[in-house]
mmCIF file of all heavy atoms, coordinates in Angstrom:
data_MODEL
# 
_entry.id   MODEL 
# 
loop_
_atom_site.group_PDB 
_atom_site.id 
_atom_site.type_symbol 
_atom_site.label_atom_id 
_atom_site.label_alt_id 
_atom_site.label_comp_id 
_atom_site.label_asym_id 
_atom_site.label_entity_id 
_atom_site.label_seq_id 
_atom_site.pdbx_PDB_ins_code 
_atom_site.Cartn_x 
_atom_site.Cartn_y 
_atom_site.Cartn_z 
_atom_site.occupancy 
_atom_site.B_iso_or_equiv 
_atom_site.pdbx_formal_charge 
_atom_site.auth_seq_id 
_atom_site.auth_comp_id 
_atom_site.auth_asym_id 
_atom_site.auth_atom_id 
_atom_site.pdbx_PDB_model_num 
ATOM 1   N N   . THR A 1 1  ? -8.971  -5.088 -0.051 1.00 0.00 ? 1  THR A N   1 
ATOM 2   C CA  . THR A 1 1  ? -8.154  -5.080 1.164  1.00 0.00 ? 1  THR A CA  1 
ATOM 3   C C   . THR A 1 1  ? -8.041  -3.662 1.704  1.00 0.00 ? 1  THR A C   1 
ATOM 4   O O   . THR A 1 1  ? -7.814  -2.722 0.953  1.00 0.00 ? 1  THR A O   1 
ATOM 5   C CB  . THR A 1 1  ? -6.738  -5.629 0.867  1.00 0.00 ? 1  THR A CB  1 
ATOM 6   O OG1 . THR A 1 1  ? -6.853  -6.932 0.318  1.00 0.00 ? 1  THR A OG1 1 
ATOM 7   C CG2 . THR A 1 1  ? -5.891  -5.677 2.135  1.00 0.00 ? 1  THR A CG2 1 
ATOM 8   N N   . ASP A 1 2  ? -8.222  -3.518 3.026  1.00 0.00 ? 2  ASP A N   1 
ATOM 9   C CA  . ASP A 1 2  ? -8.038  -2.232 3.685  1.00 0.00 ? 2  ASP A CA  1 
ATOM 10  C C   . ASP A 1 2  ? -6.672  -2.200 4.353  1.00 0.00 ? 2  ASP A C   1 
ATOM 11  O O   . ASP A 1 2  ? -6.259  -3.177 4.991  1.00 0.00 ? 2  ASP A O   1 
ATOM 12  C CB  . ASP A 1 2  ? -9.115  -2.005 4.749  1.00 0.00 ? 2  ASP A CB  1 
ATOM 13  C CG  . ASP A 1 2  ? -10.466 -1.674 4.143  1.00 0.00 ? 2  ASP A CG  1 
ATOM 14  O OD1 . ASP A 1 2  ? -10.520 -1.325 2.941  1.00 0.00 ? 2  ASP A OD1 1 
ATOM 15  O OD2 . ASP A 1 2  ? -11.463 -1.760 4.873  1.00 0.00 ? 2  ASP A OD2 1 
ATOM 16  N N   . TYR A 1 3  ? -5.983  -1.087 4.197  1.00 0.00 ? 3  TYR A N   1 
ATOM 17  C CA  . TYR A 1 3  ? -4.657  -0.890 4.782  1.00 0.00 ? 3  TYR A CA  1 
ATOM 18  C C   . TYR A 1 3  ? -4.738  0.281  5.753  1.00 0.00 ? 3  TYR A C   1 
ATOM 19  O O   . TYR A 1 3  ? -5.001  1.411  5.344  1.00 0.00 ? 3  TYR A O   1 
ATOM 20  C CB  . TYR A 1 3  ? -3.626  -0.586 3.688  1.00 0.00 ? 3  TYR A CB  1 
ATOM 21  C CG  . TYR A 1 3  ? -3.503  -1.687 2.666  1.00 0.00 ? 3  TYR A CG  1 
ATOM 22  C CD1 . TYR A 1 3  ? -4.284  -1.696 1.516  1.00 0.00 ? 3  TYR A CD1 1 
ATOM 23  C CD2 . TYR A 1 3  ? -2.600  -2.730 2.851  1.00 0.00 ? 3  TYR A CD2 1 
ATOM 24  C CE1 . TYR A 1 3  ? -4.180  -2.706 0.573  1.00 0.00 ? 3  TYR A CE1 1 
ATOM 25  C CE2 . TYR A 1 3  ? -2.484  -3.749 1.920  1.00 0.00 ? 3  TYR A CE2 1 
ATOM 26  C CZ  . TYR A 1 3  ? -3.274  -3.729 0.785  1.00 0.00 ? 3  TYR A CZ  1 
ATOM 27  O OH  . TYR A 1 3  ? -3.170  -4.731 -0.144 1.00 0.00 ? 3  TYR A OH  1 
ATOM 28  N N   . GLN A 1 4  ? -4.541  -0.004 7.057  1.00 0.00 ? 4  GLN A N   1 
ATOM 29  C CA  . GLN A 1 4  ? -4.533  1.037  8.077  1.00 0.00 ? 4  GLN A CA  1 
ATOM 30  C C   . GLN A 1 4  ? -3.256  1.853  7.887  1.00 0.00 ? 4  GLN A C   1 
ATOM 31  O O   . GLN A 1 4  ? -2.175  1.281  7.774  1.00 0.00 ? 4  GLN A O   1 
ATOM 32  C CB  . GLN A 1 4  ? -4.553  0.428  9.474  1.00 0.00 ? 4  GLN A CB  1 
ATOM 33  C CG  . GLN A 1 4  ? -5.676  -0.561 9.723  1.00 0.00 ? 4  GLN A CG  1 
ATOM 34  C CD  . GLN A 1 4  ? -7.048  0.025  9.468  1.00 0.00 ? 4  GLN A CD  1 
ATOM 35  O OE1 . GLN A 1 4  ? -7.354  1.114  9.909  1.00 0.00 ? 4  GLN A OE1 1 
ATOM 36  N NE2 . GLN A 1 4  ? -7.874  -0.707 8.745  1.00 0.00 ? 4  GLN A NE2 1 
ATOM 37  N N   . GLU A 1 5  ? -3.390  3.175  7.860  1.00 0.00 ? 5  GLU A N   1 
ATOM 38  C CA  . GLU A 1 5  ? -2.239  4.047  7.624  1.00 0.00 ? 5  GLU A CA  1 
ATOM 39  C C   . GLU A 1 5  ? -2.251  5.183  8.644  1.00 0.00 ? 5  GLU A C   1 
ATOM 40  O O   . GLU A 1 5  ? -3.309  5.627  9.085  1.00 0.00 ? 5  GLU A O   1 
ATOM 41  C CB  . GLU A 1 5  ? -2.285  4.637  6.215  1.00 0.00 ? 5  GLU A CB  1 
ATOM 42  C CG  . GLU A 1 5  ? -2.291  3.610  5.102  1.00 0.00 ? 5  GLU A CG  1 
ATOM 43  C CD  . GLU A 1 5  ? -0.964  2.918  4.888  1.00 0.00 ? 5  GLU A CD  1 
ATOM 44  O OE1 . GLU A 1 5  ? 0.091   3.538  5.155  1.00 0.00 ? 5  GLU A OE1 1 
ATOM 45  O OE2 . GLU A 1 5  ? -0.977  1.760  4.448  1.00 0.00 ? 5  GLU A OE2 1 
ATOM 46  N N   . TRP A 1 6  ? -1.065  5.659  8.961  1.00 0.00 ? 6  TRP A N   1 
ATOM 47  C CA  . TRP A 1 6  ? -0.907  6.721  9.935  1.00 0.00 ? 6  TRP A CA  1 
ATOM 48  C C   . TRP A 1 6  ? 0.324   7.528  9.562  1.00 0.00 ? 6  TRP A C   1 
ATOM 49  O O   . TRP A 1 6  ? 1.391   6.961  9.301  1.00 0.00 ? 6  TRP A O   1 
ATOM 50  C CB  . TRP A 1 6  ? -0.754  6.093  11.313 1.00 0.00 ? 6  TRP A CB  1 
ATOM 51  C CG  . TRP A 1 6  ? -0.520  7.039  12.420 1.00 0.00 ? 6  TRP A CG  1 
ATOM 52  C CD1 . TRP A 1 6  ? -1.466  7.685  13.159 1.00 0.00 ? 6  TRP A CD1 1 
ATOM 53  C CD2 . TRP A 1 6  ? 0.743   7.468  12.924 1.00 0.00 ? 6  TRP A CD2 1 
ATOM 54  N NE1 . TRP A 1 6  ? -0.865  8.476  14.094 1.00 0.00 ? 6  TRP A NE1 1 
ATOM 55  C CE2 . TRP A 1 6  ? 0.488   8.360  13.966 1.00 0.00 ? 6  TRP A CE2 1 
ATOM 56  C CE3 . TRP A 1 6  ? 2.052   7.183  12.594 1.00 0.00 ? 6  TRP A CE3 1 
ATOM 57  C CZ2 . TRP A 1 6  ? 1.498   8.973  14.677 1.00 0.00 ? 6  TRP A CZ2 1 
ATOM 58  C CZ3 . TRP A 1 6  ? 3.069   7.787  13.297 1.00 0.00 ? 6  TRP A CZ3 1 
ATOM 59  C CH2 . TRP A 1 6  ? 2.779   8.676  14.334 1.00 0.00 ? 6  TRP A CH2 1 
ATOM 60  N N   . ILE A 1 7  ? 0.170   8.823  9.491  1.00 0.00 ? 7  ILE A N   1 
ATOM 61  C CA  . ILE A 1 7  ? 1.283   9.724  9.193  1.00 0.00 ? 7  ILE A CA  1 
ATOM 62  C C   . ILE A 1 7  ? 1.304   10.803 10.253 1.00 0.00 ? 7  ILE A C   1 
ATOM 63  O O   . ILE A 1 7  ? 0.258   11.335 10.627 1.00 0.00 ? 7  ILE A O   1 
ATOM 64  C CB  . ILE A 1 7  ? 1.118   10.371 7.792  1.00 0.00 ? 7  ILE A CB  1 
ATOM 65  C CG1 . ILE A 1 7  ? 1.414   9.335  6.693  1.00 0.00 ? 7  ILE A CG1 1 
ATOM 66  C CG2 . ILE A 1 7  ? 2.003   11.603 7.634  1.00 0.00 ? 7  ILE A CG2 1 
ATOM 67  C CD1 . ILE A 1 7  ? 1.162   9.835  5.278  1.00 0.00 ? 7  ILE A CD1 1 
ATOM 68  N N   . THR A 1 8  ? 2.509   11.118 10.737 1.00 0.00 ? 8  THR A N   1 
ATOM 69  C CA  . THR A 1 8  ? 2.672   12.316 11.553 1.00 0.00 ? 8  THR A CA  1 
ATOM 70  C C   . THR A 1 8  ? 3.647   13.225 10.821 1.00 0.00 ? 8  THR A C   1 
ATOM 71  O O   . THR A 1 8  ? 4.664   12.781 10.298 1.00 0.00 ? 8  THR A O   1 
ATOM 72  C CB  . THR A 1 8  ? 3.150   12.007 12.988 1.00 0.00 ? 8  THR A CB  1 
ATOM 73  O OG1 . THR A 1 8  ? 3.129   13.219 13.749 1.00 0.00 ? 8  THR A OG1 1 
ATOM 74  C CG2 . THR A 1 8  ? 4.529   11.421 13.044 1.00 0.00 ? 8  THR A CG2 1 
ATOM 75  N N   . TRP A 1 9  ? 3.278   14.487 10.744 1.00 0.00 ? 9  TRP A N   1 
ATOM 76  C CA  . TRP A 1 9  ? 4.102   15.482 10.060 1.00 0.00 ? 9  TRP A CA  1 
ATOM 77  C C   . TRP A 1 9  ? 5.175   15.943 11.037 1.00 0.00 ? 9  TRP A C   1 
ATOM 78  O O   . TRP A 1 9  ? 4.866   16.387 12.139 1.00 0.00 ? 9  TRP A O   1 
ATOM 79  C CB  . TRP A 1 9  ? 3.243   16.664 9.614  1.00 0.00 ? 9  TRP A CB  1 
ATOM 80  C CG  . TRP A 1 9  ? 1.938   16.259 8.994  1.00 0.00 ? 9  TRP A CG  1 
ATOM 81  C CD1 . TRP A 1 9  ? 0.698   16.316 9.573  1.00 0.00 ? 9  TRP A CD1 1 
ATOM 82  C CD2 . TRP A 1 9  ? 1.725   15.701 7.700  1.00 0.00 ? 9  TRP A CD2 1 
ATOM 83  N NE1 . TRP A 1 9  ? -0.254  15.839 8.702  1.00 0.00 ? 9  TRP A NE1 1 
ATOM 84  C CE2 . TRP A 1 9  ? 0.350   15.457 7.537  1.00 0.00 ? 9  TRP A CE2 1 
ATOM 85  C CE3 . TRP A 1 9  ? 2.575   15.388 6.633  1.00 0.00 ? 9  TRP A CE3 1 
ATOM 86  C CZ2 . TRP A 1 9  ? -0.201  14.920 6.380  1.00 0.00 ? 9  TRP A CZ2 1 
ATOM 87  C CZ3 . TRP A 1 9  ? 2.028   14.851 5.478  1.00 0.00 ? 9  TRP A CZ3 1 
ATOM 88  C CH2 . TRP A 1 9  ? 0.659   14.626 5.356  1.00 0.00 ? 9  TRP A CH2 1 
ATOM 89  N N   . THR A 1 10 ? 6.443   15.855 10.657 1.00 0.00 ? 10 THR A N   1 
ATOM 90  C CA  . THR A 1 10 ? 7.527   16.229 11.562 1.00 0.00 ? 10 THR A CA  1 
ATOM 91  C C   . THR A 1 10 ? 8.128   17.585 11.222 1.00 0.00 ? 10 THR A C   1 
ATOM 92  O O   . THR A 1 10 ? 8.720   18.234 12.082 1.00 0.00 ? 10 THR A O   1 
ATOM 93  C CB  . THR A 1 10 ? 8.636   15.161 11.568 1.00 0.00 ? 10 THR A CB  1 
ATOM 94  O OG1 . THR A 1 10 ? 9.112   14.959 10.241 1.00 0.00 ? 10 THR A OG1 1 
ATOM 95  C CG2 . THR A 1 10 ? 8.098   13.851 12.140 1.00 0.00 ? 10 THR A CG2 1 
ATOM 96  N N   . GLU A 1 11 ? 7.976   18.006 9.961  1.00 0.00 ? 11 GLU A N   1 
ATOM 97  C CA  . GLU A 1 11 ? 8.482   19.315 9.548  1.00 0.00 ? 11 GLU A CA  1 
ATOM 98  C C   . GLU A 1 11 ? 7.692   19.765 8.325  1.00 0.00 ? 11 GLU A C   1 
ATOM 99  O O   . GLU A 1 11 ? 7.462   18.977 7.404  1.00 0.00 ? 11 GLU A O   1 
ATOM 100 C CB  . GLU A 1 11 ? 9.968   19.228 9.197  1.00 0.00 ? 11 GLU A CB  1 
ATOM 101 C CG  . GLU A 1 11 ? 10.564  20.535 8.737  1.00 0.00 ? 11 GLU A CG  1 
ATOM 102 C CD  . GLU A 1 11 ? 12.002  20.400 8.248  1.00 0.00 ? 11 GLU A CD  1 
ATOM 103 O OE1 . GLU A 1 11 ? 12.395  19.322 7.792  1.00 0.00 ? 11 GLU A OE1 1 
ATOM 104 O OE2 . GLU A 1 11 ? 12.717  21.416 8.318  1.00 0.00 ? 11 GLU A OE2 1 
ATOM 105 N N   . ILE A 1 12 ? 7.282   21.029 8.320  1.00 0.00 ? 12 ILE A N   1 
ATOM 106 C CA  . ILE A 1 12 ? 6.563   21.595 7.189  1.00 0.00 ? 12 ILE A CA  1 
ATOM 107 C C   . ILE A 1 12 ? 7.175   22.957 6.893  1.00 0.00 ? 12 ILE A C   1 
ATOM 108 O O   . ILE A 1 12 ? 7.184   23.837 7.762  1.00 0.00 ? 12 ILE A O   1 
ATOM 109 C CB  . ILE A 1 12 ? 5.057   21.733 7.496  1.00 0.00 ? 12 ILE A CB  1 
ATOM 110 C CG1 . ILE A 1 12 ? 4.452   20.361 7.805  1.00 0.00 ? 12 ILE A CG1 1 
ATOM 111 C CG2 . ILE A 1 12 ? 4.340   22.407 6.325  1.00 0.00 ? 12 ILE A CG2 1 
ATOM 112 C CD1 . ILE A 1 12 ? 3.047   20.406 8.370  1.00 0.00 ? 12 ILE A CD1 1 
ATOM 113 N N   . VAL A 1 13 ? 7.714   23.107 5.696  1.00 0.00 ? 13 VAL A N   1 
ATOM 114 C CA  . VAL A 1 13 ? 8.315   24.361 5.262  1.00 0.00 ? 13 VAL A CA  1 
ATOM 115 C C   . VAL A 1 13 ? 7.678   24.752 3.929  1.00 0.00 ? 13 VAL A C   1 
ATOM 116 O O   . VAL A 1 13 ? 8.154   24.376 2.863  1.00 0.00 ? 13 VAL A O   1 
ATOM 117 C CB  . VAL A 1 13 ? 9.851   24.232 5.104  1.00 0.00 ? 13 VAL A CB  1 
ATOM 118 C CG1 . VAL A 1 13 ? 10.459  25.582 4.729  1.00 0.00 ? 13 VAL A CG1 1 
ATOM 119 C CG2 . VAL A 1 13 ? 10.499  23.664 6.349  1.00 0.00 ? 13 VAL A CG2 1 
ATOM 120 N N   . PRO A 1 14 ? 6.532   25.473 3.982  1.00 0.00 ? 14 PRO A N   1 
ATOM 121 C CA  . PRO A 1 14 ? 5.829   25.820 2.743  1.00 0.00 ? 14 PRO A CA  1 
ATOM 122 C C   . PRO A 1 14 ? 6.653   26.755 1.863  1.00 0.00 ? 14 PRO A C   1 
ATOM 123 O O   . PRO A 1 14 ? 7.263   27.676 2.412  1.00 0.00 ? 14 PRO A O   1 
ATOM 124 C CB  . PRO A 1 14 ? 4.571   26.524 3.228  1.00 0.00 ? 14 PRO A CB  1 
ATOM 125 C CG  . PRO A 1 14 ? 4.469   26.244 4.696  1.00 0.00 ? 14 PRO A CG  1 
ATOM 126 C CD  . PRO A 1 14 ? 5.856   25.961 5.169  1.00 0.00 ? 14 PRO A CD  1 
ATOM 127 N N   . PRO A 1 15 ? 6.659   26.624 0.576  1.00 0.00 ? 15 PRO A N   1 
ATOM 128 C CA  . PRO A 1 15 ? 6.178   25.484 -0.210 1.00 0.00 ? 15 PRO A CA  1 
ATOM 129 C C   . PRO A 1 15 ? 7.320   24.548 -0.615 1.00 0.00 ? 15 PRO A C   1 
ATOM 130 O O   . PRO A 1 15 ? 7.298   23.954 -1.688 1.00 0.00 ? 15 PRO A O   1 
ATOM 131 C CB  . PRO A 1 15 ? 5.603   26.183 -1.452 1.00 0.00 ? 15 PRO A CB  1 
ATOM 132 C CG  . PRO A 1 15 ? 6.583   27.320 -1.680 1.00 0.00 ? 15 PRO A CG  1 
ATOM 133 C CD  . PRO A 1 15 ? 7.010   27.760 -0.291 1.00 0.00 ? 15 PRO A CD  1 
ATOM 134 N N   . ASP A 1 16 ? 8.348   24.434 0.243  1.00 0.00 ? 16 ASP A N   1 
ATOM 135 C CA  . ASP A 1 16 ? 9.578   23.732 -0.115 1.00 0.00 ? 16 ASP A CA  1 
ATOM 136 C C   . ASP A 1 16 ? 9.653   22.267 0.290  1.00 0.00 ? 16 ASP A C   1 
ATOM 137 O O   . ASP A 1 16 ? 10.198  21.453 -0.451 1.00 0.00 ? 16 ASP A O   1 
ATOM 138 C CB  . ASP A 1 16 ? 10.793  24.430 0.528  1.00 0.00 ? 16 ASP A CB  1 
ATOM 139 C CG  . ASP A 1 16 ? 10.942  25.866 0.097  1.00 0.00 ? 16 ASP A CG  1 
ATOM 140 O OD1 . ASP A 1 16 ? 10.799  26.145 -1.099 1.00 0.00 ? 16 ASP A OD1 1 
ATOM 141 O OD2 . ASP A 1 16 ? 11.183  26.718 0.980  1.00 0.00 ? 16 ASP A OD2 1 
ATOM 142 N N   . ARG A 1 17 ? 9.143   21.943 1.486  1.00 0.00 ? 17 ARG A N   1 
ATOM 143 C CA  . ARG A 1 17 ? 9.495   20.646 2.058  1.00 0.00 ? 17 ARG A CA  1 
ATOM 144 C C   . ARG A 1 17 ? 8.456   20.185 3.074  1.00 0.00 ? 17 ARG A C   1 
ATOM 145 O O   . ARG A 1 17 ? 7.923   20.989 3.832  1.00 0.00 ? 17 ARG A O   1 
ATOM 146 C CB  . ARG A 1 17 ? 10.861  20.835 2.708  1.00 0.00 ? 17 ARG A CB  1 
ATOM 147 C CG  . ARG A 1 17 ? 11.392  19.782 3.562  1.00 0.00 ? 17 ARG A CG  1 
ATOM 148 C CD  . ARG A 1 17 ? 12.710  20.310 4.180  1.00 0.00 ? 17 ARG A CD  1 
ATOM 149 N NE  . ARG A 1 17 ? 13.198  19.440 5.176  1.00 0.00 ? 17 ARG A NE  1 
ATOM 150 C CZ  . ARG A 1 17 ? 14.110  18.493 4.972  1.00 0.00 ? 17 ARG A CZ  1 
ATOM 151 N NH1 . ARG A 1 17 ? 14.647  18.340 3.795  1.00 0.00 ? 17 ARG A NH1 1 
ATOM 152 N NH2 . ARG A 1 17 ? 14.495  17.714 5.948  1.00 0.00 ? 17 ARG A NH2 1 
ATOM 153 N N   . ILE A 1 18 ? 8.234   18.870 3.072  1.00 0.00 ? 18 ILE A N   1 
ATOM 154 C CA  . ILE A 1 18 ? 7.405   18.227 4.085  1.00 0.00 ? 18 ILE A CA  1 
ATOM 155 C C   . ILE A 1 18 ? 8.165   16.986 4.549  1.00 0.00 ? 18 ILE A C   1 
ATOM 156 O O   . ILE A 1 18 ? 8.589   16.188 3.723  1.00 0.00 ? 18 ILE A O   1 
ATOM 157 C CB  . ILE A 1 18 ? 6.033   17.794 3.532  1.00 0.00 ? 18 ILE A CB  1 
ATOM 158 C CG1 . ILE A 1 18 ? 5.235   18.997 3.022  1.00 0.00 ? 18 ILE A CG1 1 
ATOM 159 C CG2 . ILE A 1 18 ? 5.242   17.025 4.592  1.00 0.00 ? 18 ILE A CG2 1 
ATOM 160 C CD1 . ILE A 1 18 ? 3.963   18.621 2.278  1.00 0.00 ? 18 ILE A CD1 1 
ATOM 161 N N   . ALA A 1 19 ? 8.336   16.842 5.867  1.00 0.00 ? 19 ALA A N   1 
ATOM 162 C CA  . ALA A 1 19 ? 8.935   15.634 6.425  1.00 0.00 ? 19 ALA A CA  1 
ATOM 163 C C   . ALA A 1 19 ? 7.874   14.950 7.277  1.00 0.00 ? 19 ALA A C   1 
ATOM 164 O O   . ALA A 1 19 ? 7.040   15.621 7.909  1.00 0.00 ? 19 ALA A O   1 
ATOM 165 C CB  . ALA A 1 19 ? 10.168  15.974 7.268  1.00 0.00 ? 19 ALA A CB  1 
ATOM 166 N N   . LEU A 1 20 ? 7.904   13.620 7.271  1.00 0.00 ? 20 LEU A N   1 
ATOM 167 C CA  . LEU A 1 20 ? 6.874   12.872 7.972  1.00 0.00 ? 20 LEU A CA  1 
ATOM 168 C C   . LEU A 1 20 ? 7.372   11.496 8.374  1.00 0.00 ? 20 LEU A C   1 
ATOM 169 O O   . LEU A 1 20 ? 8.395   11.024 7.894  1.00 0.00 ? 20 LEU A O   1 
ATOM 170 C CB  . LEU A 1 20 ? 5.630   12.742 7.085  1.00 0.00 ? 20 LEU A CB  1 
ATOM 171 C CG  . LEU A 1 20 ? 5.827   12.091 5.704  1.00 0.00 ? 20 LEU A CG  1 
ATOM 172 C CD1 . LEU A 1 20 ? 5.512   10.613 5.721  1.00 0.00 ? 20 LEU A CD1 1 
ATOM 173 C CD2 . LEU A 1 20 ? 4.940   12.790 4.689  1.00 0.00 ? 20 LEU A CD2 1 
ATOM 174 N N   . VAL A 1 21 ? 6.628   10.868 9.263  1.00 0.00 ? 21 VAL A N   1 
ATOM 175 C CA  . VAL A 1 21 ? 6.823   9.469  9.624  1.00 0.00 ? 21 VAL A CA  1 
ATOM 176 C C   . VAL A 1 21 ? 5.539   8.753  9.227  1.00 0.00 ? 21 VAL A C   1 
ATOM 177 O O   . VAL A 1 21 ? 4.442   9.213  9.533  1.00 0.00 ? 21 VAL A O   1 
ATOM 178 C CB  . VAL A 1 21 ? 7.102   9.290  11.134 1.00 0.00 ? 21 VAL A CB  1 
ATOM 179 C CG1 . VAL A 1 21 ? 7.202   7.809  11.496 1.00 0.00 ? 21 VAL A CG1 1 
ATOM 180 C CG2 . VAL A 1 21 ? 8.380   10.026 11.525 1.00 0.00 ? 21 VAL A CG2 1 
ATOM 181 N N   . HIS A 1 22 ? 5.694   7.593  8.526  1.00 0.00 ? 22 HIS A N   1 
ATOM 182 C CA  . HIS A 1 22 ? 4.543   6.882  7.955  1.00 0.00 ? 22 HIS A CA  1 
ATOM 183 C C   . HIS A 1 22 ? 4.590   5.427  8.409  1.00 0.00 ? 22 HIS A C   1 
ATOM 184 O O   . HIS A 1 22 ? 5.587   4.749  8.236  1.00 0.00 ? 22 HIS A O   1 
ATOM 185 C CB  . HIS A 1 22 ? 4.642   6.956  6.427  1.00 0.00 ? 22 HIS A CB  1 
ATOM 186 C CG  . HIS A 1 22 ? 3.450   6.417  5.718  1.00 0.00 ? 22 HIS A CG  1 
ATOM 187 N ND1 . HIS A 1 22 ? 3.189   6.746  4.420  1.00 0.00 ? 22 HIS A ND1 1 
ATOM 188 C CD2 . HIS A 1 22 ? 2.451   5.578  6.084  1.00 0.00 ? 22 HIS A CD2 1 
ATOM 189 C CE1 . HIS A 1 22 ? 2.080   6.135  4.014  1.00 0.00 ? 22 HIS A CE1 1 
ATOM 190 N NE2 . HIS A 1 22 ? 1.626   5.418  5.024  1.00 0.00 ? 22 HIS A NE2 1 
ATOM 191 N N   . GLY A 1 23 ? 3.492   4.982  8.993  1.00 0.00 ? 23 GLY A N   1 
ATOM 192 C CA  . GLY A 1 23 ? 3.374   3.597  9.432  1.00 0.00 ? 23 GLY A CA  1 
ATOM 193 C C   . GLY A 1 23 ? 1.918   3.183  9.460  1.00 0.00 ? 23 GLY A C   1 
ATOM 194 O O   . GLY A 1 23 ? 1.049   3.884  8.936  1.00 0.00 ? 23 GLY A O   1 
ATOM 195 N N   . GLU A 1 24 ? 1.664   2.048  10.086 1.00 0.00 ? 24 GLU A N   1 
ATOM 196 C CA  . GLU A 1 24 ? 0.285   1.581  10.227 1.00 0.00 ? 24 GLU A CA  1 
ATOM 197 C C   . GLU A 1 24 ? -0.401  2.197  11.434 1.00 0.00 ? 24 GLU A C   1 
ATOM 198 O O   . GLU A 1 24 ? -1.623  2.263  11.480 1.00 0.00 ? 24 GLU A O   1 
ATOM 199 C CB  . GLU A 1 24 ? 0.262   0.052  10.334 1.00 0.00 ? 24 GLU A CB  1 
ATOM 200 C CG  . GLU A 1 24 ? 0.691   -0.639 9.057  1.00 0.00 ? 24 GLU A CG  1 
ATOM 201 C CD  . GLU A 1 24 ? 0.666   -2.152 9.167  1.00 0.00 ? 24 GLU A CD  1 
ATOM 202 O OE1 . GLU A 1 24 ? 0.299   -2.681 10.242 1.00 0.00 ? 24 GLU A OE1 1 
ATOM 203 O OE2 . GLU A 1 24 ? 1.018   -2.805 8.181  1.00 0.00 ? 24 GLU A OE2 1 
ATOM 204 N N   . SER A 1 25 ? 0.398   2.621  12.415 1.00 0.00 ? 25 SER A N   1 
ATOM 205 C CA  . SER A 1 25 ? -0.135  3.219  13.635 1.00 0.00 ? 25 SER A CA  1 
ATOM 206 C C   . SER A 1 25 ? 0.968   4.029  14.303 1.00 0.00 ? 25 SER A C   1 
ATOM 207 O O   . SER A 1 25 ? 2.137   3.949  13.902 1.00 0.00 ? 25 SER A O   1 
ATOM 208 C CB  . SER A 1 25 ? -0.630  2.128  14.597 1.00 0.00 ? 25 SER A CB  1 
ATOM 209 O OG  . SER A 1 25 ? 0.462   1.316  15.006 1.00 0.00 ? 25 SER A OG  1 
# 
């Protein structure tokens, strides 16, 4: 089975934190 995935990075604070939104599109 293939699962379509999509992530957009909303905040990146190296090397402490990554925030994102994850969905199919």
